[in-house]
N, C-alpha and C. Protein backbone atom coordinates (compact mmCIF):
# COMPACT_ATOMS: atom_id res chain seq x y z
N MET A 1 -14.36 0.99 6.61
CA MET A 1 -13.33 0.60 7.27
C MET A 1 -13.10 -0.76 7.81
N LEU A 2 -14.28 -1.30 7.85
CA LEU A 2 -14.04 -2.38 8.64
C LEU A 2 -13.57 -3.61 7.23
N THR A 3 -14.07 -2.99 6.05
CA THR A 3 -13.09 -4.04 5.01
C THR A 3 -11.95 -3.82 4.85
N LEU A 4 -11.47 -2.39 5.10
CA LEU A 4 -9.87 -2.24 5.31
C LEU A 4 -9.10 -2.90 6.44
N PHE A 5 -9.56 -3.18 7.39
CA PHE A 5 -9.63 -3.80 8.60
C PHE A 5 -8.94 -5.41 8.03
N LEU A 6 -10.53 -5.83 7.71
CA LEU A 6 -10.26 -7.41 7.09
C LEU A 6 -9.20 -7.63 5.91
N SER A 7 -9.05 -6.58 5.12
CA SER A 7 -8.45 -7.08 3.77
C SER A 7 -6.65 -6.79 4.48
N SER A 8 -6.63 -5.82 5.51
CA SER A 8 -5.19 -5.70 5.97
C SER A 8 -4.81 -6.81 6.85
N PHE A 9 -6.00 -7.63 7.63
CA PHE A 9 -5.89 -8.69 8.28
C PHE A 9 -5.42 -9.99 7.54
N LEU A 10 -6.04 -10.00 6.69
CA LEU A 10 -5.71 -11.14 5.73
C LEU A 10 -4.58 -11.16 4.80
N ALA A 11 -4.03 -9.89 4.84
CA ALA A 11 -2.71 -9.76 3.80
C ALA A 11 -1.49 -10.19 5.02
N ALA A 12 -1.86 -9.95 6.36
CA ALA A 12 -0.51 -10.42 7.09
C ALA A 12 -0.68 -11.79 7.66
N THR A 13 -1.58 -12.55 6.96
CA THR A 13 -1.65 -14.11 6.96
C THR A 13 -0.95 -14.66 5.92
N PHE A 14 -0.92 -15.87 5.61
CA PHE A 14 -0.55 -16.46 4.56
C PHE A 14 -1.51 -16.83 3.42
N ILE A 15 -2.45 -16.18 3.32
CA ILE A 15 -3.47 -15.69 2.49
C ILE A 15 -2.97 -14.98 1.41
N PRO A 16 -2.65 -15.27 -0.04
CA PRO A 16 -1.99 -14.23 -0.87
C PRO A 16 -3.14 -13.15 -0.96
N PHE A 17 -3.02 -11.80 -0.40
CA PHE A 17 -3.97 -10.56 -0.33
C PHE A 17 -3.19 -9.46 -0.57
N SER A 18 -3.82 -8.27 -1.04
CA SER A 18 -3.19 -7.20 -0.82
C SER A 18 -3.82 -6.46 -0.03
N SER A 19 -3.49 -5.31 0.76
CA SER A 19 -4.21 -4.43 1.27
C SER A 19 -4.11 -3.14 0.92
N GLU A 20 -2.67 -2.90 0.16
CA GLU A 20 -2.41 -1.46 -0.20
C GLU A 20 -3.34 -1.22 -1.13
N ALA A 21 -3.62 -1.72 -2.17
CA ALA A 21 -4.56 -1.07 -3.44
C ALA A 21 -5.92 -0.76 -2.55
N HIS A 22 -6.36 -1.67 -1.52
CA HIS A 22 -7.88 -0.98 -1.10
C HIS A 22 -7.40 0.09 -0.01
N LEU A 23 -6.43 0.38 0.52
CA LEU A 23 -5.95 1.67 1.10
C LEU A 23 -5.90 2.92 0.21
N ALA A 24 -5.25 2.63 -0.85
CA ALA A 24 -4.99 3.40 -1.99
C ALA A 24 -6.78 3.98 -2.45
N PHE A 25 -7.32 2.81 -2.65
CA PHE A 25 -8.69 3.60 -3.08
C PHE A 25 -9.76 4.18 -2.24
N LEU A 26 -9.58 3.58 -0.89
CA LEU A 26 -10.38 4.38 0.19
C LEU A 26 -9.73 5.73 0.24
N LYS A 27 -8.15 6.04 0.24
CA LYS A 27 -7.76 7.32 0.08
C LYS A 27 -8.39 8.24 -1.05
N ASN A 28 -8.38 7.70 -2.21
CA ASN A 28 -8.99 8.25 -3.57
C ASN A 28 -10.43 8.70 -3.22
N GLN A 29 -11.15 7.91 -2.40
CA GLN A 29 -12.57 8.28 -2.00
C GLN A 29 -12.91 9.44 -1.12
N GLY A 30 -11.57 9.80 -0.63
CA GLY A 30 -11.30 11.27 0.43
C GLY A 30 -11.72 10.75 1.79
N GLU A 31 -11.48 9.60 2.02
CA GLU A 31 -11.48 9.00 3.72
C GLU A 31 -10.17 9.58 4.25
N ALA A 32 -10.22 9.93 5.87
CA ALA A 32 -9.18 10.64 6.37
C ALA A 32 -7.87 9.81 6.39
N LEU A 33 -6.86 10.52 6.14
CA LEU A 33 -5.58 10.04 5.98
C LEU A 33 -5.25 8.88 7.44
N PRO A 34 -5.17 9.92 8.49
CA PRO A 34 -4.85 9.10 9.78
C PRO A 34 -5.39 7.93 10.18
N LEU A 35 -7.16 7.90 9.98
CA LEU A 35 -7.78 6.78 10.04
C LEU A 35 -7.70 5.76 9.28
N LEU A 36 -7.38 5.66 8.15
CA LEU A 36 -6.82 5.04 7.06
C LEU A 36 -5.69 3.99 7.42
N VAL A 37 -4.59 5.09 7.80
CA VAL A 37 -3.52 4.16 8.52
C VAL A 37 -3.68 3.62 9.58
N LEU A 38 -4.18 4.06 10.50
CA LEU A 38 -4.30 3.36 11.90
C LEU A 38 -5.40 2.16 11.80
N VAL A 39 -6.70 2.08 10.80
CA VAL A 39 -7.13 0.71 10.78
C VAL A 39 -6.30 -0.23 10.08
N ALA A 40 -5.63 0.14 8.75
CA ALA A 40 -4.75 -0.72 7.89
C ALA A 40 -3.84 -1.27 8.91
N THR A 41 -3.16 -0.57 9.79
CA THR A 41 -2.21 -0.93 10.52
C THR A 41 -2.56 -1.63 11.57
N LEU A 42 -3.86 -1.58 12.35
CA LEU A 42 -4.04 -2.38 13.44
C LEU A 42 -4.64 -3.74 12.84
N GLY A 43 -5.35 -3.59 11.73
CA GLY A 43 -5.66 -4.91 11.04
C GLY A 43 -4.39 -5.89 10.63
N ASN A 44 -3.41 -5.22 10.00
CA ASN A 44 -2.53 -5.85 9.71
C ASN A 44 -1.33 -6.30 10.72
N THR A 45 -1.51 -5.54 11.58
CA THR A 45 -0.47 -6.05 12.94
C THR A 45 -1.72 -7.16 13.73
N LEU A 46 -2.48 -6.99 13.78
CA LEU A 46 -3.24 -8.20 14.51
C LEU A 46 -3.18 -9.48 13.45
N GLY A 47 -2.99 -9.51 12.03
CA GLY A 47 -3.09 -10.73 11.49
C GLY A 47 -1.60 -11.24 11.53
N GLY A 48 -0.64 -10.20 11.57
CA GLY A 48 0.77 -10.47 11.73
C GLY A 48 1.05 -11.37 13.33
N MET A 49 0.42 -11.14 14.05
CA MET A 49 0.48 -11.17 15.55
C MET A 49 -0.39 -12.85 15.41
N PHE A 50 -1.53 -13.08 14.68
CA PHE A 50 -1.97 -14.24 14.55
C PHE A 50 -0.76 -15.37 14.02
N THR A 51 -0.18 -14.90 12.79
CA THR A 51 0.87 -15.40 12.53
C THR A 51 2.01 -15.96 13.50
N TYR A 52 2.23 -15.27 14.23
CA TYR A 52 3.28 -15.38 15.22
C TYR A 52 2.79 -16.20 16.32
N SER A 53 1.58 -16.16 16.70
CA SER A 53 0.71 -17.18 17.59
C SER A 53 0.62 -18.43 17.16
N LEU A 54 0.59 -18.71 15.77
CA LEU A 54 0.71 -19.92 14.95
C LEU A 54 1.94 -20.46 15.08
N GLY A 55 3.43 -19.59 14.86
CA GLY A 55 4.34 -20.23 15.58
C GLY A 55 4.45 -20.56 17.00
N ARG A 56 4.16 -19.59 17.51
CA ARG A 56 4.40 -19.85 19.34
C ARG A 56 3.45 -21.15 19.61
N ALA A 57 2.76 -21.77 18.52
CA ALA A 57 2.17 -22.96 19.06
C ALA A 57 3.19 -24.28 18.45
N GLY A 58 3.88 -24.10 17.95
CA GLY A 58 5.08 -24.83 17.99
C GLY A 58 5.17 -25.85 16.93
N LYS A 59 3.95 -25.95 16.33
CA LYS A 59 3.63 -27.27 14.93
C LYS A 59 4.46 -26.92 13.95
N LEU A 60 5.76 -27.16 13.31
CA LEU A 60 6.14 -26.95 12.37
C LEU A 60 5.84 -27.70 11.18
N GLU A 61 5.13 -29.02 11.50
CA GLU A 61 4.35 -29.67 10.45
C GLU A 61 3.28 -28.92 9.78
N TRP A 62 2.46 -28.24 10.77
CA TRP A 62 1.72 -27.08 10.44
C TRP A 62 1.98 -26.32 9.42
N SER A 63 3.09 -25.69 9.72
CA SER A 63 3.97 -24.31 8.76
C SER A 63 4.28 -25.33 7.58
N MET A 64 4.42 -26.38 7.17
CA MET A 64 4.80 -26.96 6.24
C MET A 64 3.54 -27.38 5.37
N ARG A 65 2.60 -28.04 5.94
CA ARG A 65 1.52 -28.45 5.55
C ARG A 65 0.39 -27.43 4.88
N PHE A 66 -0.01 -26.74 5.93
CA PHE A 66 -1.12 -25.86 5.71
C PHE A 66 -0.37 -24.19 5.61
N LEU A 67 0.40 -23.76 6.08
CA LEU A 67 1.01 -22.61 5.66
C LEU A 67 1.75 -22.34 4.70
N ARG A 68 2.25 -23.45 3.91
CA ARG A 68 3.28 -23.73 2.84
C ARG A 68 4.70 -22.80 3.13
N ILE A 69 5.01 -23.04 4.19
CA ILE A 69 6.38 -22.71 4.52
C ILE A 69 7.25 -23.50 4.75
N LYS A 70 8.19 -23.54 3.59
CA LYS A 70 9.24 -24.39 3.58
C LYS A 70 10.23 -24.51 4.93
N LYS A 71 11.08 -25.55 5.01
CA LYS A 71 11.89 -25.85 6.05
C LYS A 71 12.87 -24.70 5.69
N GLU A 72 13.52 -24.87 4.68
CA GLU A 72 14.53 -23.88 4.36
C GLU A 72 14.26 -22.53 4.81
N GLN A 73 13.13 -21.95 4.42
CA GLN A 73 12.81 -20.80 4.66
C GLN A 73 12.64 -20.40 6.35
N ILE A 74 12.28 -21.48 6.89
CA ILE A 74 12.36 -21.23 8.59
C ILE A 74 13.79 -21.21 8.96
N GLU A 75 14.61 -21.89 8.59
CA GLU A 75 15.98 -22.07 8.53
C GLU A 75 16.67 -20.59 8.62
N LYS A 76 16.57 -20.19 7.27
CA LYS A 76 16.88 -18.74 7.01
C LYS A 76 16.59 -17.62 7.86
N ALA A 77 15.06 -17.92 8.30
CA ALA A 77 14.55 -16.72 9.10
C ALA A 77 15.22 -16.76 10.44
N LYS A 78 15.65 -18.09 10.89
CA LYS A 78 15.81 -18.33 12.22
C LYS A 78 17.53 -17.73 12.36
N ILE A 79 18.17 -17.89 11.02
CA ILE A 79 19.40 -17.01 10.93
C ILE A 79 19.43 -15.58 11.13
N SER A 80 18.50 -15.13 10.42
CA SER A 80 18.38 -13.83 10.41
C SER A 80 17.79 -13.36 11.86
N LEU A 81 16.93 -13.91 12.65
CA LEU A 81 16.39 -13.44 13.97
C LEU A 81 17.71 -13.75 15.10
N ASN A 82 18.79 -14.65 14.64
CA ASN A 82 19.97 -14.69 15.49
C ASN A 82 20.78 -13.45 15.53
N ARG A 83 20.69 -13.23 14.49
CA ARG A 83 21.59 -11.72 13.92
C ARG A 83 20.52 -10.52 14.74
N TYR A 84 19.57 -10.34 14.18
CA TYR A 84 18.94 -9.46 14.62
C TYR A 84 17.94 -8.89 15.89
N GLY A 85 17.47 -10.44 16.48
CA GLY A 85 16.72 -10.42 17.31
C GLY A 85 15.38 -9.92 16.99
N VAL A 86 14.46 -9.56 17.96
CA VAL A 86 13.22 -9.26 18.01
C VAL A 86 13.27 -7.93 16.93
N LEU A 87 14.15 -7.30 16.58
CA LEU A 87 14.02 -6.28 15.72
C LEU A 87 13.43 -6.84 14.30
N LEU A 88 13.69 -7.98 14.19
CA LEU A 88 13.36 -8.45 12.66
C LEU A 88 11.56 -8.26 12.61
N ALA A 89 11.09 -8.48 13.64
CA ALA A 89 9.55 -8.13 13.34
C ALA A 89 9.13 -6.74 12.82
N PHE A 90 10.05 -5.68 12.71
CA PHE A 90 9.81 -4.39 12.07
C PHE A 90 9.72 -4.96 10.65
N LEU A 91 10.13 -5.92 9.91
CA LEU A 91 10.10 -6.05 8.61
C LEU A 91 9.16 -7.38 8.16
N CYS A 92 8.31 -7.65 8.96
CA CYS A 92 7.24 -8.60 8.90
C CYS A 92 6.23 -7.95 7.99
N TRP A 93 6.38 -6.80 7.33
CA TRP A 93 5.62 -6.18 6.29
C TRP A 93 6.19 -6.61 4.84
N LEU A 94 7.33 -6.98 4.80
CA LEU A 94 7.76 -7.62 3.57
C LEU A 94 6.96 -8.82 2.98
N PRO A 95 6.63 -8.59 1.75
CA PRO A 95 6.17 -9.68 0.83
C PRO A 95 6.85 -11.17 1.07
N ILE A 96 6.24 -12.18 1.22
CA ILE A 96 6.78 -13.46 1.42
C ILE A 96 7.78 -13.65 2.57
N VAL A 97 8.53 -13.17 3.00
CA VAL A 97 9.26 -13.43 3.95
C VAL A 97 8.71 -12.79 5.39
N GLY A 98 7.75 -11.82 5.20
CA GLY A 98 7.33 -11.17 6.18
C GLY A 98 6.77 -12.22 7.28
N ASP A 99 5.78 -13.03 6.48
CA ASP A 99 5.06 -14.08 7.15
C ASP A 99 5.90 -15.02 7.85
N VAL A 100 6.69 -15.36 7.13
CA VAL A 100 8.00 -16.30 7.41
C VAL A 100 8.76 -15.94 9.20
N PHE A 101 9.05 -14.41 8.84
CA PHE A 101 9.30 -13.72 10.01
C PHE A 101 8.65 -13.89 11.30
N ALA A 102 7.49 -13.42 11.17
CA ALA A 102 6.52 -13.50 12.24
C ALA A 102 6.31 -14.89 12.65
N PHE A 103 6.10 -16.12 12.03
CA PHE A 103 6.06 -17.29 12.35
C PHE A 103 7.05 -17.81 12.96
N VAL A 104 8.41 -17.06 12.72
CA VAL A 104 9.54 -17.82 13.35
C VAL A 104 9.64 -17.06 14.55
N LEU A 105 9.40 -15.74 14.97
CA LEU A 105 9.53 -15.16 15.73
C LEU A 105 8.65 -16.04 17.16
N GLY A 106 7.59 -16.06 16.51
CA GLY A 106 6.86 -17.04 17.27
C GLY A 106 7.34 -18.50 18.22
N LEU A 107 7.59 -18.98 16.95
CA LEU A 107 8.32 -20.39 16.92
C LEU A 107 9.43 -20.35 18.36
N THR A 108 10.18 -19.20 17.99
CA THR A 108 11.27 -19.23 18.98
C THR A 108 11.19 -18.25 20.12
N ARG A 109 9.79 -18.20 20.18
CA ARG A 109 9.11 -17.50 21.63
C ARG A 109 9.85 -16.09 22.00
N ALA A 110 10.02 -15.52 20.88
CA ALA A 110 10.26 -13.70 20.79
C ALA A 110 9.33 -13.23 21.85
N PRO A 111 9.87 -12.20 22.67
CA PRO A 111 8.88 -11.56 23.56
C PRO A 111 7.57 -11.23 22.61
N ALA A 112 6.34 -11.35 23.12
CA ALA A 112 5.28 -10.85 22.34
C ALA A 112 5.26 -9.51 22.07
N LEU A 113 5.54 -8.56 23.34
CA LEU A 113 5.11 -7.37 23.62
C LEU A 113 6.24 -6.43 22.70
N LEU A 114 7.26 -6.79 22.34
CA LEU A 114 8.27 -6.24 21.76
C LEU A 114 7.90 -6.62 20.30
N THR A 115 7.55 -7.85 19.83
CA THR A 115 7.09 -8.28 18.50
C THR A 115 6.10 -7.32 18.13
N LEU A 116 4.82 -7.53 18.92
CA LEU A 116 3.92 -6.45 18.53
C LEU A 116 4.36 -5.02 18.41
N ILE A 117 4.97 -4.24 19.40
CA ILE A 117 5.23 -2.97 19.11
C ILE A 117 6.17 -2.85 17.74
N PHE A 118 7.45 -3.53 17.52
CA PHE A 118 8.33 -3.55 16.43
C PHE A 118 7.54 -3.65 15.09
N MET A 119 6.52 -4.90 15.08
CA MET A 119 5.61 -5.02 13.93
C MET A 119 4.94 -4.26 13.83
N ALA A 120 4.06 -3.59 14.44
CA ALA A 120 3.07 -2.15 14.45
C ALA A 120 4.06 -1.21 13.86
N LEU A 121 5.19 -1.00 14.36
CA LEU A 121 5.98 0.32 13.76
C LEU A 121 6.01 -0.02 12.17
N GLY A 122 6.77 -1.13 11.80
CA GLY A 122 7.18 -1.58 10.53
C GLY A 122 5.91 -1.41 9.68
N LYS A 123 4.84 -1.97 9.66
CA LYS A 123 3.70 -1.83 9.29
C LYS A 123 2.90 -0.48 9.24
N ALA A 124 2.89 0.33 9.79
CA ALA A 124 2.22 1.43 9.96
C ALA A 124 3.67 2.41 8.81
N LEU A 125 4.53 2.42 8.95
CA LEU A 125 5.76 3.17 8.42
C LEU A 125 5.36 2.57 6.69
N ARG A 126 5.27 1.28 6.37
CA ARG A 126 5.02 0.78 5.02
C ARG A 126 3.60 1.62 4.29
N TYR A 127 2.58 1.65 5.67
CA TYR A 127 1.01 2.21 4.92
C TYR A 127 1.37 3.52 4.52
N ILE A 128 1.93 4.22 5.44
CA ILE A 128 2.73 5.78 5.14
C ILE A 128 2.88 5.74 3.87
N ALA A 129 4.16 4.81 3.61
CA ALA A 129 4.93 5.01 2.44
C ALA A 129 4.25 4.69 1.41
N VAL A 130 3.17 3.71 1.33
CA VAL A 130 2.15 3.34 0.36
C VAL A 130 1.29 4.70 -0.13
N ILE A 131 0.70 5.46 1.11
CA ILE A 131 -0.12 6.81 0.72
C ILE A 131 0.87 7.54 0.07
N TYR A 132 2.18 7.79 0.29
CA TYR A 132 2.71 8.71 0.11
C TYR A 132 3.21 8.34 -1.39
N PHE A 133 3.32 7.16 -1.88
CA PHE A 133 3.70 7.01 -3.12
C PHE A 133 2.72 7.05 -4.07
N PHE A 134 1.27 6.82 -3.48
CA PHE A 134 -0.03 6.59 -4.28
C PHE A 134 -0.10 8.32 -4.77
N GLU A 135 0.17 8.86 -3.47
CA GLU A 135 -0.33 10.66 -3.99
C GLU A 135 1.01 11.35 -4.77
N GLU A 136 2.25 10.75 -5.02
CA GLU A 136 2.91 10.96 -5.81
C GLU A 136 2.67 10.92 -7.55
N LEU A 137 2.00 9.51 -7.43
CA LEU A 137 1.56 8.91 -8.84
C LEU A 137 0.51 9.79 -9.25
N ILE A 138 -0.33 10.43 -8.49
CA ILE A 138 -1.72 11.19 -8.78
C ILE A 138 -0.92 12.72 -9.25
N ARG A 139 0.03 13.02 -8.55
CA ARG A 139 0.69 14.16 -8.73
C ARG A 139 1.22 14.36 -10.02
N ILE A 140 1.95 13.11 -10.59
CA ILE A 140 2.64 12.83 -11.65
C ILE A 140 1.78 13.09 -12.79
N PHE A 141 0.88 12.30 -12.81
CA PHE A 141 -0.21 11.80 -13.86
C PHE A 141 -1.17 13.07 -13.59
N SER A 142 -1.24 13.50 -13.03
CA SER A 142 -2.30 14.94 -13.24
C SER A 142 -2.12 16.05 -13.93
């Protein structure tokens, strides 16, 4: 389970990594579904909050230099944030833009607790959907 936590954490940062395959593999090995979803969600949410905290540090130069976030991405995310507010944290699970959303939520000093709650909800629902999709694929091809 530690490896799932770590892969989920890394997947929520700017390191290109996928935890979904790891989750599906462990589910296929017979691990308990509630524990898998809990561990993956916890790791992924903490990774997202790490990205949020980088944004909260407020160093735009860092984001462009080390995190490879383009200024245009930040501007687009700010527009979305103005429209949807902290609810945008619910979409931090999305590939590519999710990390930018987490960063901009921190940059704009969105409330940390609300960000954490909405981020965790979105990430948990994503992992549940991944498991459901994986189970359906197995059922179809069995």
